[in-house]
Amino acid sequence: MSGGVREAGAGPGSTVAKVNPQTVIREVRVARRPQGMVQAEDFVLAEAAPLPPLGDGQVQVALRSVGMNAGMADRMRERPNSGHPAMALGHVPRSDAVLEVVESRSDEFAPGDLAVRSWSPWREADVVDAGELRRIPAERADLPLENHLTVLGHVGFTAWVGMVHVGQVRETDTVYVSGAAGGVGSCAVQFAAARGARVIGSAGSPEKVALLKELGADAAIDHHDGPAVELLRAAAPDGIDLFFDNVGGDQLEAALDTLRLRGRAVLCGAVSQYGREGAGPRNYLRMIYQELTLRGFTVTEHEDLRPAFESEAAQLVRGGRLHSVHTVLNGFDRVPEAFCTLLTGGSRGRMIVAA
């Protein structure tokens, strides 16, 4: 199947030259606090400081592609709900990226090597300690770059940790995934299906509903078709065992009303609440009477699980059971547009910018 949406332009085969000290390097900075939903005007494209000389163990890298993470919207607020400090105005956001080494003073990397950096600044080039990079191994070098930001990257790892490790998905489970056509959600659907569970996904358009069925969902809901709880009860008349939440709000309340006795909910994200004052579920008392378990997680606290994830995910990709779902915009200057499109549901799968 084809899960990607790409514009014409630079692709994985493009080459990157060493950055001349006089070359203008651009970066994206936070320009103002969002008023409601994040807008492209909340960012500014600016000239970065010149790159410093390489020190021992460092490499100069050029950005090839960068993934957008919706959770960053919360940290742009003056008082975030995430527990992390607010981003200062002028801050350069960071997210996972594929980088190409263009100069090296490290024995670990040579020019031309490709690597993933978990928290790479939204900047066209950088100097970085080699230990911050994860080399893309030779046995996976034939895969499209997008895979390393989706099914084999941050969102795939997030989905796997939440579904397999935290949620303990079982073959006998009926699983509901909100935001199921997004980057994390589309991976969560596929990991649950690969474990033999019955999977229901929620998305925001007929096209995305069709995509979920291609990915192995047994049923899919367009959340625009009616109240969330009514749609979920129709899809799962006997209830659900496990809920993987990327959305919060009405979706979380619907799941609480539908979870069976001792059901579990994995709280991964709450895109409906980002950039606004969050509200808790009105029906939280059902957690008591149904003995429900709700557990949040932060994937950065589970780095020890990455080898197990990479082994399973790579096998599923090679076996045609795990597909990258992504939307790619070409051009570094489109990073603010891409981020806002992600938040409004205008992308399919992971939103990526190819620099």
Protein backbone atom coordinates (compact mmCIF):
# COMPACT_ATOMS: atom_id res chain seq x y z
CA MET A 1 0.00 0.00 0.00
CA SER A 2 1.07 3.61 -0.40
CA GLY A 3 0.76 5.55 2.85
CA GLY A 4 2.68 8.68 1.94
CA VAL A 5 1.67 12.01 0.52
CA ARG A 6 4.65 13.85 -0.99
CA GLU A 7 5.03 17.03 -2.98
CA ALA A 8 7.40 17.30 -5.92
CA GLY A 9 10.90 18.34 -4.93
CA ALA A 10 13.96 17.11 -3.11
CA GLY A 11 13.99 13.41 -2.26
CA PRO A 12 16.22 10.91 -0.47
CA GLY A 13 18.74 10.95 -3.31
CA SER A 14 19.58 14.64 -3.06
CA THR A 15 23.10 15.64 -2.01
CA VAL A 16 24.20 18.08 0.65
CA ALA A 17 27.40 20.12 0.49
CA LYS A 18 29.56 21.21 3.41
CA VAL A 19 28.27 24.45 4.88
CA ASN A 20 30.53 27.39 4.08
CA PRO A 21 31.11 29.68 7.11
CA GLN A 22 29.62 32.56 5.11
CA THR A 23 26.49 30.58 4.17
CA VAL A 24 23.28 31.86 5.69
CA ILE A 25 21.72 29.15 7.86
CA ARG A 26 18.05 29.59 8.71
CA GLU A 27 16.16 28.52 11.80
CA VAL A 28 12.58 28.72 13.05
CA ARG A 29 11.94 30.54 16.34
CA VAL A 30 8.92 31.04 18.57
CA ALA A 31 7.82 34.63 17.90
CA ARG A 32 4.79 35.02 20.19
CA ARG A 33 2.48 33.17 22.52
CA PRO A 34 -0.44 31.50 20.72
CA GLN A 35 -3.89 32.95 21.24
CA GLY A 36 -5.99 29.80 21.04
CA MET A 37 -4.77 27.43 18.33
CA VAL A 38 -1.20 27.87 17.13
CA GLN A 39 -0.87 29.98 13.98
CA ALA A 40 2.00 30.14 11.49
CA GLU A 41 2.50 33.76 12.56
CA ASP A 42 3.47 32.51 16.03
CA PHE A 43 6.83 31.55 14.47
CA VAL A 44 9.48 33.52 12.63
CA LEU A 45 12.10 32.33 10.11
CA ALA A 46 15.42 33.91 11.09
CA GLU A 47 19.12 33.75 10.33
CA ALA A 48 20.97 31.49 12.76
CA ALA A 49 24.35 32.25 14.28
CA PRO A 50 27.37 31.01 12.27
CA LEU A 51 28.33 27.43 13.01
CA PRO A 52 31.23 27.00 15.46
CA PRO A 53 34.36 25.08 14.46
CA LEU A 54 34.19 21.34 14.98
CA GLY A 55 35.65 19.99 18.20
CA ASP A 56 36.88 16.46 18.79
CA GLY A 57 34.01 13.98 18.67
CA GLN A 58 31.73 16.40 16.85
CA VAL A 59 30.16 16.40 13.39
CA GLN A 60 28.61 19.03 11.16
CA VAL A 61 25.19 17.96 9.93
CA ALA A 62 22.69 19.23 7.39
CA LEU A 63 18.97 18.76 7.84
CA ARG A 64 17.36 16.32 5.42
CA SER A 65 13.88 15.99 6.98
CA VAL A 66 12.19 16.86 10.26
CA GLY A 67 9.05 15.51 11.91
CA MET A 68 6.35 17.60 13.58
CA ASN A 69 5.17 16.73 17.13
CA ALA A 70 1.79 18.09 18.22
CA GLY A 71 2.66 18.06 21.91
CA MET A 72 5.01 20.99 21.38
CA ALA A 73 1.98 23.28 21.11
CA ASP A 74 1.40 23.00 24.85
CA ARG A 75 4.91 24.24 25.65
CA MET A 76 4.35 27.36 23.56
CA ARG A 77 1.76 28.53 26.10
CA GLU A 78 2.76 30.77 28.99
CA ARG A 79 1.63 28.11 31.50
CA PRO A 80 2.01 24.63 29.96
CA ASN A 81 0.08 21.63 31.28
CA SER A 82 2.85 19.22 30.31
CA GLY A 83 5.02 19.73 33.39
CA HIS A 84 7.81 21.08 31.17
CA PRO A 85 8.79 24.75 31.27
CA ALA A 86 7.30 27.07 28.69
CA MET A 87 9.39 27.85 25.63
CA ALA A 88 10.90 31.32 25.82
CA LEU A 89 10.16 33.72 23.01
CA GLY A 90 12.97 33.39 20.50
CA HIS A 91 13.43 29.70 21.37
CA VAL A 92 14.18 27.30 18.51
CA PRO A 93 11.86 24.26 18.86
CA ARG A 94 13.29 20.75 18.58
CA SER A 95 11.95 17.48 17.24
CA ASP A 96 13.28 14.32 15.66
CA ALA A 97 15.05 14.69 12.34
CA VAL A 98 17.06 12.82 9.73
CA LEU A 99 20.45 14.49 9.27
CA GLU A 100 23.32 14.00 6.85
CA VAL A 101 26.89 14.24 8.09
CA VAL A 102 28.84 16.71 5.96
CA GLU A 103 32.03 17.00 8.04
CA SER A 104 33.30 14.87 10.90
CA ARG A 105 35.84 14.87 13.69
CA SER A 106 34.43 11.66 15.11
CA ASP A 107 35.52 8.09 14.45
CA GLU A 108 31.84 7.08 14.51
CA PHE A 109 30.69 9.05 11.45
CA ALA A 110 31.97 9.92 7.99
CA PRO A 111 30.65 12.49 5.51
CA GLY A 112 27.59 11.14 3.75
CA ASP A 113 26.37 9.08 6.71
CA LEU A 114 22.70 9.45 7.61
CA ALA A 115 21.55 9.57 11.21
CA VAL A 116 18.55 10.38 13.38
CA ARG A 117 18.70 12.95 16.16
CA SER A 118 15.88 12.75 18.70
CA TRP A 119 15.78 16.45 19.60
CA SER A 120 17.16 18.38 16.67
CA PRO A 121 16.62 22.16 16.50
CA TRP A 122 14.52 23.49 13.63
CA ARG A 123 17.67 24.67 11.86
CA GLU A 124 19.08 23.90 8.43
CA ALA A 125 22.55 22.92 9.69
CA ASP A 126 24.20 22.36 13.04
CA VAL A 127 27.27 21.13 14.89
CA VAL A 128 26.49 18.26 17.22
CA ASP A 129 28.25 15.75 19.46
CA ALA A 130 28.37 12.40 17.70
CA GLY A 131 26.83 10.70 20.74
CA GLU A 132 23.52 12.51 20.11
CA LEU A 133 23.06 10.75 16.77
CA ARG A 134 21.70 7.29 15.96
CA ARG A 135 23.17 6.03 12.73
CA ILE A 136 20.72 4.63 10.18
CA PRO A 137 22.17 1.12 9.84
CA ALA A 138 23.22 -0.22 6.47
CA GLU A 139 20.56 -2.93 6.54
CA ARG A 140 17.86 -0.24 6.61
CA ALA A 141 19.52 2.29 4.29
CA ASP A 142 17.33 1.13 1.39
CA LEU A 143 14.14 2.21 3.18
CA PRO A 144 12.67 5.65 2.43
CA LEU A 145 13.88 8.39 4.77
CA GLU A 146 10.33 8.94 6.03
CA ASN A 147 10.34 5.48 7.64
CA HIS A 148 12.98 6.67 10.10
CA LEU A 149 10.64 9.43 11.29
CA THR A 150 7.53 7.22 11.31
CA VAL A 151 7.32 3.46 11.77
CA LEU A 152 11.02 3.10 12.73
CA GLY A 153 11.31 6.48 14.42
CA HIS A 154 9.90 8.59 17.22
CA VAL A 155 6.19 8.12 16.48
CA GLY A 156 6.56 4.39 15.89
CA PHE A 157 8.49 4.02 19.13
CA THR A 158 5.85 6.06 20.96
CA ALA A 159 3.04 3.89 19.60
CA TRP A 160 4.89 0.67 20.39
CA VAL A 161 5.73 1.69 23.97
CA GLY A 162 2.15 2.79 24.60
CA MET A 163 0.40 -0.13 22.95
CA VAL A 164 2.75 -3.03 23.72
CA HIS A 165 4.58 -2.07 26.92
CA VAL A 166 2.17 0.26 28.75
CA GLY A 167 -1.14 -1.02 27.36
CA GLN A 168 -0.08 -4.68 27.33
CA VAL A 169 -2.28 -5.30 24.29
CA ARG A 170 -3.60 -8.86 24.05
CA GLU A 171 -4.99 -10.96 21.22
CA THR A 172 -8.35 -11.08 23.01
CA ASP A 173 -8.63 -7.29 23.36
CA THR A 174 -10.95 -4.92 21.58
CA VAL A 175 -8.82 -1.81 21.17
CA TYR A 176 -9.93 1.74 20.39
CA VAL A 177 -7.43 4.31 19.04
CA SER A 178 -8.32 8.00 18.83
CA GLY A 179 -6.51 10.18 16.31
CA ALA A 180 -5.86 6.90 14.54
CA ALA A 181 -4.86 8.38 11.17
CA GLY A 182 -2.12 10.52 12.72
CA GLY A 183 1.55 9.67 13.02
CA VAL A 184 1.38 7.84 16.36
CA GLY A 185 -2.20 6.64 15.89
CA SER A 186 -1.58 4.94 12.54
CA CYS A 187 1.34 3.04 14.07
CA ALA A 188 -0.69 2.13 17.17
CA VAL A 189 -3.44 0.65 14.98
CA GLN A 190 -0.91 -1.51 13.14
CA PHE A 191 0.89 -2.74 16.25
CA ALA A 192 -2.41 -3.75 17.84
CA ALA A 193 -3.54 -5.52 14.66
CA ALA A 194 -0.19 -7.31 14.41
CA ARG A 195 -0.77 -8.66 17.94
CA GLY A 196 -4.13 -10.09 16.85
CA ALA A 197 -6.42 -7.62 18.65
CA ARG A 198 -9.70 -6.33 17.23
CA VAL A 199 -9.00 -2.68 16.43
CA ILE A 200 -11.34 0.30 16.08
CA GLY A 201 -9.91 3.64 14.95
CA SER A 202 -11.28 7.16 14.90
CA ALA A 203 -10.33 9.73 12.27
CA GLY A 204 -11.67 12.94 10.74
CA SER A 205 -12.63 12.25 7.12
CA PRO A 206 -13.95 9.47 4.88
CA GLU A 207 -10.51 9.22 3.25
CA LYS A 208 -8.84 8.67 6.62
CA VAL A 209 -11.47 6.13 7.62
CA ALA A 210 -10.68 4.19 4.43
CA LEU A 211 -6.97 4.41 5.25
CA LEU A 212 -7.51 2.89 8.70
CA LYS A 213 -9.18 -0.13 7.15
CA GLU A 214 -6.20 -0.51 4.80
CA LEU A 215 -3.94 -0.50 7.86
CA GLY A 216 -5.79 -3.40 9.46
CA ALA A 217 -8.50 -1.75 11.58
CA ASP A 218 -11.61 -3.93 11.88
CA ALA A 219 -13.82 -0.84 12.15
CA ALA A 220 -13.25 2.88 11.68
CA ILE A 221 -15.22 5.94 12.79
CA ASP A 222 -15.43 9.41 11.28
CA HIS A 223 -15.73 11.51 14.44
CA HIS A 224 -17.68 14.17 12.52
CA ASP A 225 -20.59 11.74 12.07
CA GLY A 226 -22.08 12.22 15.54
CA PRO A 227 -21.46 12.23 19.30
CA ALA A 228 -18.28 10.33 20.11
CA VAL A 229 -19.85 7.99 22.65
CA GLU A 230 -22.71 6.99 20.31
CA LEU A 231 -20.30 6.25 17.46
CA LEU A 232 -18.05 4.17 19.70
CA ARG A 233 -20.93 2.20 21.21
CA ALA A 234 -22.17 1.40 17.70
CA ALA A 235 -18.72 0.14 16.69
CA ALA A 236 -18.17 -1.76 19.96
CA PRO A 237 -21.59 -2.76 21.35
CA ASP A 238 -19.94 -5.13 23.86
CA GLY A 239 -17.46 -2.49 25.02
CA ILE A 240 -13.71 -2.09 24.69
CA ASP A 241 -10.79 -3.43 26.71
CA LEU A 242 -8.03 -0.98 25.82
CA PHE A 243 -8.10 2.68 24.75
CA PHE A 244 -5.08 4.41 23.19
CA ASP A 245 -5.74 8.15 23.41
CA ASN A 246 -4.12 10.82 21.25
CA VAL A 247 -6.98 13.33 21.43
CA GLY A 248 -8.54 13.71 24.90
CA GLY A 249 -11.80 15.63 25.39
CA ASP A 250 -14.90 13.93 23.99
CA GLN A 251 -12.87 10.92 22.84
CA LEU A 252 -11.60 10.23 26.35
CA GLU A 253 -15.07 10.59 27.83
CA ALA A 254 -16.51 8.23 25.20
CA ALA A 255 -13.89 5.62 26.04
CA LEU A 256 -14.55 5.91 29.78
CA ASP A 257 -18.24 5.25 29.09
CA THR A 258 -17.39 2.22 26.94
CA LEU A 259 -14.51 0.49 28.71
CA ARG A 260 -15.44 -2.85 30.23
CA LEU A 261 -14.75 -3.87 33.83
CA ARG A 262 -11.03 -3.43 34.58
CA GLY A 263 -10.44 -1.85 31.20
CA ARG A 264 -7.24 0.11 30.51
CA ALA A 265 -6.59 3.47 28.91
CA VAL A 266 -3.19 4.62 27.69
CA LEU A 267 -2.89 8.41 27.63
CA CYS A 268 -0.42 9.34 24.91
CA GLY A 269 -1.61 12.80 23.86
CA ALA A 270 -4.51 15.23 23.91
CA VAL A 271 -4.40 17.20 20.67
CA SER A 272 -7.91 18.57 21.26
CA GLN A 273 -6.62 20.31 24.40
CA TYR A 274 -3.32 21.73 23.16
CA GLY A 275 -3.15 25.50 23.06
CA ARG A 276 -6.15 25.92 25.34
CA GLU A 277 -7.12 25.36 28.96
CA GLY A 278 -7.51 21.61 29.32
CA ALA A 279 -10.54 20.07 31.00
CA GLY A 280 -10.80 16.72 32.74
CA PRO A 281 -13.42 14.09 31.84
CA ARG A 282 -16.88 14.75 33.28
CA ASN A 283 -17.48 11.01 33.79
CA TYR A 284 -14.30 10.21 35.73
CA LEU A 285 -16.32 8.49 38.49
CA ARG A 286 -16.78 5.55 36.12
CA MET A 287 -13.10 4.83 36.73
CA ILE A 288 -14.06 3.87 40.29
CA TYR A 289 -17.11 1.73 39.57
CA GLN A 290 -15.54 -0.09 36.60
CA GLU A 291 -12.11 -0.39 38.26
CA LEU A 292 -10.52 1.24 35.24
CA THR A 293 -6.82 1.95 34.87
CA LEU A 294 -5.70 5.16 33.14
CA ARG A 295 -1.97 5.49 32.67
CA GLY A 296 -0.07 8.27 30.98
CA PHE A 297 3.44 7.86 29.65
CA THR A 298 6.30 9.83 28.18
CA VAL A 299 8.26 7.87 25.61
CA THR A 300 11.58 9.49 26.58
CA GLU A 301 11.40 7.60 29.88
CA HIS A 302 11.52 4.25 28.07
CA GLU A 303 14.66 4.51 25.94
CA ASP A 304 15.81 1.12 27.23
CA LEU A 305 13.03 -0.48 25.17
CA ARG A 306 14.23 0.91 21.84
CA PRO A 307 16.22 -2.20 20.75
CA ALA A 308 13.16 -4.43 21.25
CA PHE A 309 10.99 -1.95 19.35
CA GLU A 310 13.43 -1.63 16.44
CA SER A 311 13.73 -5.40 16.11
CA GLU A 312 9.96 -5.96 15.99
CA ALA A 313 9.19 -2.92 13.84
CA ALA A 314 11.87 -3.75 11.26
CA GLN A 315 10.52 -7.29 10.91
CA LEU A 316 6.96 -5.99 10.44
CA VAL A 317 8.12 -3.46 7.82
CA ARG A 318 10.03 -6.10 5.88
CA GLY A 319 7.04 -8.42 6.14
CA GLY A 320 4.67 -5.82 4.73
CA ARG A 321 2.64 -5.59 7.97
CA LEU A 322 3.76 -2.13 9.09
CA HIS A 323 3.43 0.81 6.70
CA SER A 324 4.63 4.38 6.95
CA VAL A 325 1.79 6.91 6.80
CA HIS A 326 3.03 10.44 6.27
CA THR A 327 2.52 13.79 4.58
CA VAL A 328 5.61 15.60 3.31
CA LEU A 329 5.96 19.31 2.57
CA ASN A 330 9.10 20.39 0.72
CA GLY A 331 11.08 23.42 1.83
CA PHE A 332 12.44 24.41 5.23
CA ASP A 333 10.46 27.65 5.19
CA ARG A 334 7.26 25.60 5.40
CA VAL A 335 7.94 24.27 8.91
CA PRO A 336 5.44 26.68 10.59
CA GLU A 337 2.77 25.80 8.00
CA ALA A 338 3.40 22.09 8.51
CA PHE A 339 3.13 22.34 12.28
CA CYS A 340 -0.18 24.21 12.13
CA THR A 341 -1.56 21.82 9.51
CA LEU A 342 -0.78 18.93 11.86
CA LEU A 343 -2.72 20.56 14.71
CA THR A 344 -5.81 21.19 12.56
CA GLY A 345 -5.92 17.62 11.21
CA GLY A 346 -4.95 18.57 7.69
CA SER A 347 -2.27 15.90 7.37
CA ARG A 348 -2.45 12.17 6.94
CA GLY A 349 -0.11 10.30 9.26
CA ARG A 350 3.13 11.97 10.36
CA MET A 351 3.68 15.50 9.13
CA ILE A 352 7.25 15.83 7.80
CA VAL A 353 9.16 18.67 6.20
CA ALA A 354 11.88 17.80 3.70
CA ALA A 355 14.50 20.53 3.91
